[in-house]
Structure formats: C-alpha cells, structure tokens
Amino acid sequence: MTALNKQVEDIDPPIDGEAAGQYLTFMLAGEEYGVEILKVQEIKGWDTATPIPNTPEHVLGVLNLRGAVVPIIDLRKRFDLEKMVYGPTTVVIVVKMNHEDQERTVGLVVDAVADVYRLEGNDIQPAPEMGAAVKTEYIRGLATVENKMVILLEIDKLVDFNSMDSNGVHPAEKVAAGAESETALAQ
C-alpha cells in the first residue's frame, strides 16, 4: 500500500443521508455557515433586543415575536469572532431547537443571509478533529458548494441550556464574575 492510498483511507467518509437536505446559509465574519432549513421559523431584520441581567455575553436579550418571548443570541460573540456594528444586512434567523424532548425558539443574529442549498449526504464531510481546545460539537459537517466551504451547524447543540442556571448564567461565568468583584473590592 502506498503512502497516498493510506492517506486516502484515513480521510473520514462522507456523512450518511441523515444530514442531507436543504440548508439556509448565512455569513459571519466572511465565512458561510448553514442550518437545516426545516429548523428555520423566520428571518427578520435586526431589531434591538431587551437585555436580561445575568445572561452570558452572547445572549443579547429577548424579543417579542407575536407574543412569544424569544432569546436572541449573537453568533459572532458565541463563536468568539470580532465584534461588528450591526448594519442593514444584519438579520435575526429565528430557529426551532430541540432540547430534552422540548422545542425552544431562539433568534440568531448573523451578518447576512446568503443562500439556500440542497445537499446530499455524500456532499457533507464530518468536522475534523481539532483536539480538546477547539469545540466542534455544534458543527454538523463541512460542505463544498460552488468552490467554497460551508460550515454546517448542529443547531440543537449550539446553546447548552443544561449548563446555565435558572438566571441563564453559565457556572464558569458566575465564578469569573465573582473573582472580578473580589478584585474590585480589594482595590
């Protein structure tokens, strides 16, 4: 067996047909991301969210969408991307997430909507292993579409509702906030 054949065998096979379907794609920091179109409830222009105290930094607050209070998540902050001023192309993609057999509605703030693509299972490759330092649990896979890479998100794993307390605060953020308070008091 040649070294090239061994390298080809080591490449992960395409993802099965479960990931096949239509994906709504959007832009974040010049990269294209996609979510299953069946998870998308609506797309609306950016509107200021009502802030909620003690929430993680990426949770901007809530919006009232036809009587439903919906948490709004800034994906740039969630992915630790550089901050950008919201502009005319900034939108909120309202998605349905499943968490412990319960459906939750969440708004995702993105730079712009890009396109809709139909992808087959063999078009989608699994996310590469990046080691423990890089979180990839919310990446469903990668697809090459029209000579560009699209990062497909596993929307149900994007927000970890279990790791937040009743106020929406992640335990690590609570510890960090406590340490900052103690430092401020000591000065």
Protein backbone atom coordinates (compact mmCIF):
# COMPACT_ATOMS: atom_id res chain seq x y z
CA MET A 1 0.00 0.00 0.00
CA THR A 2 1.42 3.40 -0.93
CA ALA A 3 1.52 6.37 1.42
CA LEU A 4 -1.08 8.16 -0.74
CA ASN A 5 -3.52 5.24 -0.51
CA LYS A 6 -3.06 5.18 3.28
CA GLN A 7 -3.81 8.94 3.44
CA VAL A 8 -6.97 8.48 1.37
CA GLU A 9 -8.12 5.65 3.67
CA ASP A 10 -7.58 7.87 6.73
CA ILE A 11 -9.95 10.54 5.39
CA ASP A 12 -13.33 10.38 7.13
CA PRO A 13 -16.11 9.10 4.88
CA PRO A 14 -18.96 11.41 3.97
CA ILE A 15 -21.76 11.76 6.50
CA ASP A 16 -24.75 9.47 5.97
CA GLY A 17 -28.06 10.59 4.46
CA GLU A 18 -29.29 11.90 7.82
CA ALA A 19 -27.58 15.25 7.19
CA ALA A 20 -28.89 15.54 3.62
CA GLY A 21 -31.45 18.23 2.90
CA GLN A 22 -31.79 21.93 2.31
CA TYR A 23 -29.68 24.39 4.26
CA LEU A 24 -30.17 28.11 4.75
CA THR A 25 -26.73 29.71 4.70
CA PHE A 26 -25.63 32.97 6.26
CA MET A 27 -22.46 34.99 6.63
CA LEU A 28 -20.41 35.58 9.77
CA ALA A 29 -17.04 37.34 9.56
CA GLY A 30 -16.69 36.49 5.87
CA GLU A 31 -17.37 32.75 6.35
CA GLU A 32 -20.51 30.96 5.22
CA TYR A 33 -22.46 28.86 7.74
CA GLY A 34 -25.59 26.80 7.25
CA VAL A 35 -28.52 25.50 9.28
CA GLU A 36 -31.16 22.97 8.26
CA ILE A 37 -33.93 24.93 6.60
CA LEU A 38 -36.56 22.83 8.41
CA LYS A 39 -35.31 24.34 11.69
CA VAL A 40 -35.83 27.93 10.44
CA GLN A 41 -39.08 29.56 11.53
CA GLU A 42 -38.49 33.00 10.04
CA ILE A 43 -35.92 35.62 9.13
CA LYS A 44 -36.40 39.19 10.32
CA GLY A 45 -34.41 42.37 10.16
CA TRP A 46 -32.30 43.31 13.18
CA ASP A 47 -34.24 44.91 16.00
CA THR A 48 -32.84 45.85 19.39
CA ALA A 49 -33.32 43.13 21.98
CA THR A 50 -34.43 43.82 25.54
CA PRO A 51 -31.41 42.96 27.70
CA ILE A 52 -31.83 40.45 30.53
CA PRO A 53 -29.46 40.74 33.53
CA ASN A 54 -27.05 37.92 34.38
CA THR A 55 -27.07 36.25 30.98
CA PRO A 56 -23.97 35.09 29.09
CA GLU A 57 -22.35 37.74 26.91
CA HIS A 58 -23.57 36.11 23.67
CA VAL A 59 -27.21 36.33 24.81
CA LEU A 60 -28.22 39.83 23.78
CA GLY A 61 -31.62 39.67 25.46
CA VAL A 62 -35.11 38.83 24.24
CA LEU A 63 -37.52 39.90 21.51
CA ASN A 64 -41.28 39.64 21.49
CA LEU A 65 -42.26 37.76 18.33
CA ARG A 66 -46.05 37.75 18.04
CA GLY A 67 -46.50 37.21 21.76
CA ALA A 68 -43.63 34.75 22.24
CA VAL A 69 -40.57 35.90 24.19
CA VAL A 70 -37.53 34.66 22.25
CA PRO A 71 -33.91 34.74 23.47
CA ILE A 72 -31.55 36.39 20.98
CA ILE A 73 -28.01 35.05 20.55
CA ASP A 74 -25.23 36.93 18.77
CA LEU A 75 -23.38 34.17 16.87
CA ARG A 76 -20.30 36.38 16.47
CA LYS A 77 -19.99 36.51 20.27
CA ARG A 78 -20.93 32.82 20.63
CA PHE A 79 -18.09 31.87 18.28
CA ASP A 80 -15.63 34.42 19.74
CA LEU A 81 -15.42 36.35 16.47
CA GLU A 82 -14.53 40.03 16.31
CA LYS A 83 -17.36 42.43 17.08
CA MET A 84 -19.10 44.23 14.21
CA VAL A 85 -21.57 47.10 14.16
CA TYR A 86 -24.97 45.83 13.06
CA GLY A 87 -25.88 47.14 9.61
CA PRO A 88 -28.68 46.97 7.07
CA THR A 89 -27.89 43.34 6.16
CA THR A 90 -27.82 42.15 9.80
CA VAL A 91 -30.72 39.78 10.42
CA VAL A 92 -32.16 37.53 13.09
CA ILE A 93 -32.76 33.96 11.97
CA VAL A 94 -35.43 32.52 14.24
CA VAL A 95 -34.89 28.78 14.66
CA LYS A 96 -36.52 25.90 16.50
CA MET A 97 -34.09 23.98 18.71
CA ASN A 98 -34.80 20.64 20.38
CA HIS A 99 -33.59 20.24 23.93
CA GLU A 100 -34.54 17.27 26.11
CA ASP A 101 -37.65 16.49 24.05
CA GLN A 102 -38.71 20.11 24.28
CA GLU A 103 -38.80 22.57 21.40
CA ARG A 104 -37.34 26.03 22.06
CA THR A 105 -37.39 29.04 19.80
CA VAL A 106 -34.19 31.10 19.61
CA GLY A 107 -33.10 34.03 17.43
CA LEU A 108 -29.59 34.00 15.93
CA VAL A 109 -28.05 37.34 14.93
CA VAL A 110 -25.94 36.97 11.77
CA ASP A 111 -24.20 39.37 9.37
CA ALA A 112 -26.37 38.50 6.35
CA VAL A 113 -28.39 35.71 4.78
CA ALA A 114 -26.51 34.10 1.88
CA ASP A 115 -28.40 31.31 0.05
CA VAL A 116 -30.30 28.03 0.23
CA TYR A 117 -28.52 24.86 -0.90
CA ARG A 118 -29.74 21.31 -1.35
CA LEU A 119 -27.05 18.94 -0.11
CA GLU A 120 -26.83 15.17 -0.35
CA GLY A 121 -25.24 13.07 2.40
CA ASN A 122 -22.12 12.48 0.29
CA ASP A 123 -21.68 16.28 -0.12
CA ILE A 124 -21.11 16.65 3.63
CA GLN A 125 -17.86 15.71 5.36
CA PRO A 126 -17.60 15.39 9.17
CA ALA A 127 -15.92 18.17 11.11
CA PRO A 128 -12.21 17.46 11.53
CA GLU A 129 -10.88 16.53 14.96
CA MET A 130 -9.24 19.64 16.37
CA GLY A 131 -8.30 18.42 19.84
CA ALA A 132 -9.83 19.35 23.17
CA ALA A 133 -9.02 23.05 22.83
CA VAL A 134 -11.45 23.56 19.92
CA LYS A 135 -15.15 22.92 20.45
CA THR A 136 -16.70 21.26 17.41
CA GLU A 137 -19.76 19.63 18.97
CA TYR A 138 -22.08 22.12 17.27
CA ILE A 139 -20.55 21.60 13.82
CA ARG A 140 -22.59 19.05 11.89
CA GLY A 141 -20.17 18.91 8.99
CA LEU A 142 -18.50 20.76 6.15
CA ALA A 143 -19.70 21.01 2.57
CA THR A 144 -18.03 22.39 -0.52
CA VAL A 145 -20.57 24.30 -2.57
CA GLU A 146 -19.68 26.26 -5.69
CA ASN A 147 -15.94 26.13 -4.80
CA LYS A 148 -16.42 27.47 -1.26
CA MET A 149 -16.54 25.80 2.12
CA VAL A 150 -19.80 25.97 4.10
CA ILE A 151 -19.77 25.14 7.82
CA LEU A 152 -22.99 23.32 8.70
CA LEU A 153 -24.16 23.83 12.27
CA GLU A 154 -25.85 21.32 14.55
CA ILE A 155 -28.39 23.86 15.78
CA ASP A 156 -29.66 21.73 18.69
CA LYS A 157 -26.17 21.75 20.25
CA LEU A 158 -25.45 25.45 19.72
CA VAL A 159 -26.86 26.56 23.06
CA ASP A 160 -26.22 24.48 26.16
CA PHE A 161 -29.36 25.05 28.21
CA ASN A 162 -28.23 22.49 30.82
CA SER A 163 -25.09 24.38 31.73
CA MET A 164 -26.98 27.54 32.68
CA ASP A 165 -28.68 28.16 35.99
CA SER A 166 -32.23 29.50 36.32
CA ASN A 167 -30.95 33.01 35.52
CA GLY A 168 -29.29 31.86 32.30
CA VAL A 169 -25.78 32.15 33.74
CA HIS A 170 -23.10 29.56 32.98
CA PRO A 171 -21.28 28.39 36.16
CA ALA A 172 -17.86 29.43 34.77
CA GLU A 173 -19.15 32.94 34.12
CA LYS A 174 -20.51 33.14 37.68
CA VAL A 175 -17.05 32.20 39.07
CA ALA A 176 -15.32 34.72 36.79
CA ALA A 177 -17.78 37.47 37.77
CA GLY A 178 -17.19 36.66 41.46
CA ALA A 179 -13.42 36.86 41.01
CA GLU A 180 -13.75 40.23 39.25
CA SER A 181 -15.97 41.53 42.10
CA GLU A 182 -13.44 40.40 44.72
CA THR A 183 -10.60 42.06 42.78
CA ALA A 184 -12.57 45.30 42.51
CA LEU A 185 -13.34 45.27 46.25
CA ALA A 186 -9.67 44.65 47.12
CA GLN A 187 -8.59 47.80 45.26
